[in-house]
């Protein structure tokens, strides 16, 4: 359950400004060491 709780903190946020709605980008949270290790063991990329 510790790993599941830790993995739940990975997220991707779409950022945009009200004054310029066409200027958008995705902001990814930085993975913890545990998250990085879990993805490495599974052979998966973290980028969403």
N, C-alpha and C. Protein backbone atom coordinates (compact mmCIF):
# COMPACT_ATOMS: atom_id res chain seq x y z
N UNK A 1 0.82 -1.20 0.00
CA UNK A 1 0.00 0.00 0.00
C UNK A 1 0.86 1.25 0.00
N UNK A 2 2.05 1.17 0.54
CA UNK A 2 2.94 2.33 0.54
C UNK A 2 3.27 2.75 -0.89
N UNK A 3 3.56 1.76 -1.75
CA UNK A 3 3.89 2.07 -3.14
C UNK A 3 2.69 2.68 -3.85
N UNK A 4 1.50 2.15 -3.64
CA UNK A 4 0.31 2.71 -4.28
C UNK A 4 0.06 4.14 -3.85
N UNK A 5 0.24 4.41 -2.57
CA UNK A 5 0.07 5.79 -2.08
C UNK A 5 1.09 6.71 -2.71
N UNK A 6 2.32 6.23 -2.84
CA UNK A 6 3.38 7.04 -3.43
C UNK A 6 3.13 7.27 -4.92
N UNK A 7 2.70 6.23 -5.63
CA UNK A 7 2.43 6.38 -7.06
C UNK A 7 1.26 7.31 -7.32
N UNK A 8 0.35 7.42 -6.38
CA UNK A 8 -0.82 8.29 -6.55
C UNK A 8 -0.44 9.77 -6.57
N UNK A 9 0.78 10.09 -6.19
CA UNK A 9 1.18 11.50 -6.17
C UNK A 9 1.78 11.96 -7.49
N UNK A 10 1.95 11.05 -8.45
CA UNK A 10 2.41 11.45 -9.78
C UNK A 10 1.24 12.05 -10.53
N UNK A 11 1.43 13.22 -11.12
CA UNK A 11 0.33 13.81 -11.87
C UNK A 11 0.85 14.72 -12.98
N UNK A 12 -0.05 15.01 -13.90
CA UNK A 12 0.23 15.93 -14.99
C UNK A 12 -0.83 17.02 -14.95
N UNK A 13 -0.40 18.26 -14.91
CA UNK A 13 -1.31 19.39 -14.88
C UNK A 13 -1.21 20.17 -16.18
N UNK A 14 -2.36 20.50 -16.76
CA UNK A 14 -2.40 21.37 -17.95
C UNK A 14 -2.47 22.80 -17.45
N UNK A 15 -1.49 23.61 -17.82
CA UNK A 15 -1.40 24.99 -17.35
C UNK A 15 -1.74 25.93 -18.51
N UNK A 16 -2.64 26.86 -18.25
CA UNK A 16 -2.98 27.87 -19.25
C UNK A 16 -3.37 29.15 -18.53
N UNK A 17 -3.25 30.25 -19.26
CA UNK A 17 -3.57 31.55 -18.69
C UNK A 17 -4.88 32.05 -19.27
N UNK A 18 -5.68 32.68 -18.44
CA UNK A 18 -6.95 33.23 -18.88
C UNK A 18 -6.74 34.28 -19.96
N UNK A 19 -5.68 35.07 -19.84
CA UNK A 19 -5.42 36.13 -20.81
C UNK A 19 -4.89 35.61 -22.14
N UNK A 20 -4.39 34.37 -22.16
CA UNK A 20 -3.84 33.79 -23.39
C UNK A 20 -4.13 32.29 -23.41
N UNK A 21 -5.38 31.90 -23.69
CA UNK A 21 -5.77 30.49 -23.59
C UNK A 21 -5.04 29.56 -24.56
N UNK A 22 -4.47 30.09 -25.64
CA UNK A 22 -3.75 29.24 -26.59
C UNK A 22 -2.36 28.87 -26.10
N UNK A 23 -1.85 29.61 -25.14
CA UNK A 23 -0.52 29.32 -24.57
C UNK A 23 -0.69 28.34 -23.43
N UNK A 24 -0.52 27.06 -23.72
CA UNK A 24 -0.71 26.00 -22.73
C UNK A 24 0.52 25.09 -22.70
N UNK A 25 0.73 24.48 -21.54
CA UNK A 25 1.78 23.47 -21.44
C UNK A 25 1.42 22.50 -20.33
N UNK A 26 2.03 21.32 -20.37
CA UNK A 26 1.82 20.31 -19.33
C UNK A 26 2.96 20.39 -18.34
N UNK A 27 2.60 20.36 -17.07
CA UNK A 27 3.59 20.38 -16.00
C UNK A 27 3.51 19.04 -15.28
N UNK A 28 4.61 18.30 -15.29
CA UNK A 28 4.66 16.99 -14.65
C UNK A 28 5.31 17.12 -13.28
N UNK A 29 4.77 16.38 -12.30
CA UNK A 29 5.43 16.35 -11.00
C UNK A 29 6.71 15.52 -11.12
N UNK A 30 7.67 15.83 -10.30
CA UNK A 30 8.92 15.07 -10.30
C UNK A 30 8.72 13.77 -9.52
N UNK A 31 9.15 12.64 -10.08
CA UNK A 31 8.97 11.37 -9.38
C UNK A 31 9.90 11.26 -8.17
N UNK A 32 9.42 10.58 -7.15
CA UNK A 32 10.25 10.28 -5.99
C UNK A 32 11.20 9.14 -6.36
N UNK A 33 12.16 8.87 -5.51
CA UNK A 33 13.08 7.75 -5.76
C UNK A 33 12.33 6.43 -5.85
N UNK A 34 11.33 6.24 -4.99
CA UNK A 34 10.53 5.01 -5.00
C UNK A 34 9.74 4.88 -6.30
N UNK A 35 9.14 5.96 -6.76
CA UNK A 35 8.40 5.94 -8.01
C UNK A 35 9.32 5.62 -9.18
N UNK A 36 10.48 6.26 -9.21
CA UNK A 36 11.44 6.05 -10.28
C UNK A 36 11.89 4.59 -10.31
N UNK A 37 12.15 4.02 -9.14
CA UNK A 37 12.59 2.62 -9.04
C UNK A 37 11.49 1.66 -9.52
N UNK A 38 10.25 1.92 -9.12
CA UNK A 38 9.14 1.06 -9.52
C UNK A 38 8.98 1.07 -11.05
N UNK A 39 9.04 2.23 -11.66
CA UNK A 39 8.92 2.32 -13.11
C UNK A 39 10.10 1.65 -13.80
N UNK A 40 11.30 1.81 -13.25
CA UNK A 40 12.48 1.16 -13.81
C UNK A 40 12.32 -0.36 -13.79
N UNK A 41 11.85 -0.91 -12.67
CA UNK A 41 11.68 -2.36 -12.55
C UNK A 41 10.64 -2.89 -13.52
N UNK A 42 9.63 -2.07 -13.82
CA UNK A 42 8.59 -2.47 -14.77
C UNK A 42 8.98 -2.19 -16.21
N UNK A 43 10.09 -1.49 -16.41
CA UNK A 43 10.52 -1.15 -17.77
C UNK A 43 9.63 -0.11 -18.42
N UNK A 44 9.06 0.78 -17.62
CA UNK A 44 8.14 1.80 -18.13
C UNK A 44 8.75 3.18 -18.04
N UNK A 45 8.34 4.05 -18.96
CA UNK A 45 8.76 5.45 -18.91
C UNK A 45 7.82 6.21 -17.98
N UNK A 46 8.35 7.16 -17.25
CA UNK A 46 7.54 7.92 -16.30
C UNK A 46 6.74 9.01 -16.99
N UNK A 47 7.26 9.60 -18.06
CA UNK A 47 6.55 10.68 -18.75
C UNK A 47 5.14 10.27 -19.12
N UNK A 48 4.20 11.17 -18.86
CA UNK A 48 2.80 10.84 -19.12
C UNK A 48 2.33 11.51 -20.37
